[in-house]
Amino acid sequence: MTDPLPLVLGFVSFLLLPALGVAGLFRQRITPVLSALLFAWLLGGVWALSSGWRAGLPEERFLRLWLVGLVLGGGLLFIAKVREKRRTWKWVRLVLGAMTVIVFVRALLAYVRTFS
């Protein structure tokens, strides 16, 4: 891969924007619930790897799915924690707005290049 920036922008926007939408549905603090779920996922994965239980999956696939769950859960937890701090939330919204515009413009340019 020559230019990882589009991949990073796309991944971050696809992770952050839906997570913010989901977090926005809750008026309560959701970090305790997310923390507990992430901790349970971590312990369950460690137990499964140490005991040899793989839910019928090959070890590489199980490990990859477990790690993806940890990364996504960590991202959601980070977003929830930042959202609860009012001082930083304004900056997060500004950055997300800029990322949304960048991703939209890149998609629009790709569309124009494809169909022109």
Protein backbone atom coordinates (compact mmCIF):
# COMPACT_ATOMS: atom_id res chain seq x y z
CA MET A 1 0.00 0.00 0.00
CA THR A 2 1.50 3.29 -1.06
CA ASP A 3 -0.77 5.81 0.67
CA PRO A 4 -2.29 4.69 3.99
CA LEU A 5 -3.95 8.05 4.72
CA PRO A 6 -7.25 7.29 2.89
CA LEU A 7 -7.45 3.95 4.66
CA VAL A 8 -6.84 5.56 8.05
CA LEU A 9 -9.35 8.35 7.42
CA GLY A 10 -11.95 5.92 6.19
CA PHE A 11 -11.49 3.53 9.09
CA VAL A 12 -11.51 6.26 11.71
CA SER A 13 -14.58 7.89 10.24
CA PHE A 14 -16.41 4.59 9.89
CA LEU A 15 -15.55 3.77 13.50
CA LEU A 16 -16.06 7.17 15.10
CA LEU A 17 -19.15 8.48 13.37
CA PRO A 18 -21.42 5.48 14.04
CA ALA A 19 -20.07 5.18 17.58
CA LEU A 20 -20.88 8.80 18.25
CA GLY A 21 -24.36 8.27 16.90
CA VAL A 22 -24.90 5.31 19.17
CA ALA A 23 -23.39 7.10 22.16
CA GLY A 24 -25.63 10.06 21.45
CA LEU A 25 -28.69 7.89 21.98
CA PHE A 26 -27.80 7.47 25.63
CA ARG A 27 -28.21 10.31 28.07
CA GLN A 28 -26.49 8.37 30.83
CA ARG A 29 -22.83 7.67 31.21
CA ILE A 30 -22.10 4.53 29.25
CA THR A 31 -18.42 4.18 30.07
CA PRO A 32 -19.01 1.79 33.00
CA VAL A 33 -21.00 -0.57 30.78
CA LEU A 34 -18.48 -0.36 27.95
CA SER A 35 -15.59 -0.86 30.37
CA ALA A 36 -17.21 -3.96 31.85
CA LEU A 37 -17.96 -5.41 28.41
CA LEU A 38 -14.45 -4.75 27.15
CA PHE A 39 -12.94 -6.28 30.29
CA ALA A 40 -15.18 -9.36 29.94
CA TRP A 41 -14.16 -9.67 26.26
CA LEU A 42 -10.50 -9.42 27.24
CA LEU A 43 -10.78 -12.05 29.98
CA GLY A 44 -12.90 -14.36 27.83
CA GLY A 45 -10.37 -14.21 25.02
CA VAL A 46 -7.44 -14.82 27.34
CA TRP A 47 -9.28 -17.80 28.85
CA ALA A 48 -10.14 -19.18 25.40
CA LEU A 49 -6.59 -18.84 24.16
CA SER A 50 -5.09 -20.43 27.26
CA SER A 51 -7.59 -23.31 27.40
CA GLY A 52 -7.50 -24.11 23.69
CA TRP A 53 -11.21 -23.43 23.11
CA ARG A 54 -11.71 -21.69 19.77
CA ALA A 55 -15.47 -21.98 19.14
CA GLY A 56 -14.78 -24.25 16.18
CA LEU A 57 -12.64 -21.65 14.42
CA PRO A 58 -9.00 -21.91 13.35
CA GLU A 59 -6.68 -20.28 15.87
CA GLU A 60 -5.63 -17.45 13.51
CA ARG A 61 -9.23 -16.50 12.73
CA PHE A 62 -10.26 -16.67 16.39
CA LEU A 63 -7.30 -14.50 17.39
CA ARG A 64 -8.06 -11.97 14.63
CA LEU A 65 -11.73 -11.72 15.63
CA TRP A 66 -10.82 -11.34 19.29
CA LEU A 67 -8.32 -8.58 18.52
CA VAL A 68 -10.80 -6.77 16.27
CA GLY A 69 -13.29 -6.87 19.14
CA LEU A 70 -10.70 -5.40 21.50
CA VAL A 71 -9.81 -2.60 19.07
CA LEU A 72 -13.44 -1.71 18.33
CA GLY A 73 -14.38 -1.89 22.00
CA GLY A 74 -11.41 0.26 22.94
CA GLY A 75 -12.39 2.79 20.29
CA LEU A 76 -15.97 2.92 21.53
CA LEU A 77 -14.77 3.29 25.12
CA PHE A 78 -12.41 6.11 24.13
CA ILE A 79 -15.21 7.93 22.31
CA ALA A 80 -17.55 7.55 25.27
CA LYS A 81 -14.93 8.91 27.68
CA VAL A 82 -14.16 11.88 25.44
CA ARG A 83 -17.85 12.57 24.95
CA GLU A 84 -18.35 12.86 28.70
CA LYS A 85 -15.75 15.64 28.95
CA ARG A 86 -17.42 18.80 27.72
CA ARG A 87 -14.17 20.71 27.25
CA THR A 88 -12.73 18.25 24.73
CA TRP A 89 -16.03 17.36 23.09
CA LYS A 90 -16.13 20.60 21.06
CA TRP A 91 -12.73 19.78 19.53
CA VAL A 92 -13.75 16.20 18.79
CA ARG A 93 -16.84 17.45 16.97
CA LEU A 94 -14.69 19.88 14.98
CA VAL A 95 -12.22 17.13 13.97
CA LEU A 96 -15.03 14.74 13.08
CA GLY A 97 -16.69 17.41 10.97
CA ALA A 98 -13.43 18.01 9.12
CA MET A 99 -12.92 14.29 8.60
CA THR A 100 -16.46 13.93 7.27
CA VAL A 101 -15.87 16.72 4.75
CA ILE A 102 -12.54 15.19 3.67
CA VAL A 103 -14.02 11.71 3.21
CA PHE A 104 -17.00 13.17 1.30
CA VAL A 105 -14.79 15.23 -1.02
CA ARG A 106 -12.54 12.23 -1.72
CA ALA A 107 -15.56 10.04 -2.46
CA LEU A 108 -17.04 12.73 -4.70
CA LEU A 109 -13.76 13.09 -6.63
CA ALA A 110 -13.51 9.31 -7.02
CA TYR A 111 -17.09 9.27 -8.32
CA VAL A 112 -16.38 12.06 -10.81
CA ARG A 113 -13.18 10.34 -12.00
CA THR A 114 -15.00 7.04 -12.41
CA PHE A 115 -17.98 8.37 -14.34
CA SER A 116 -16.45 11.21 -16.34
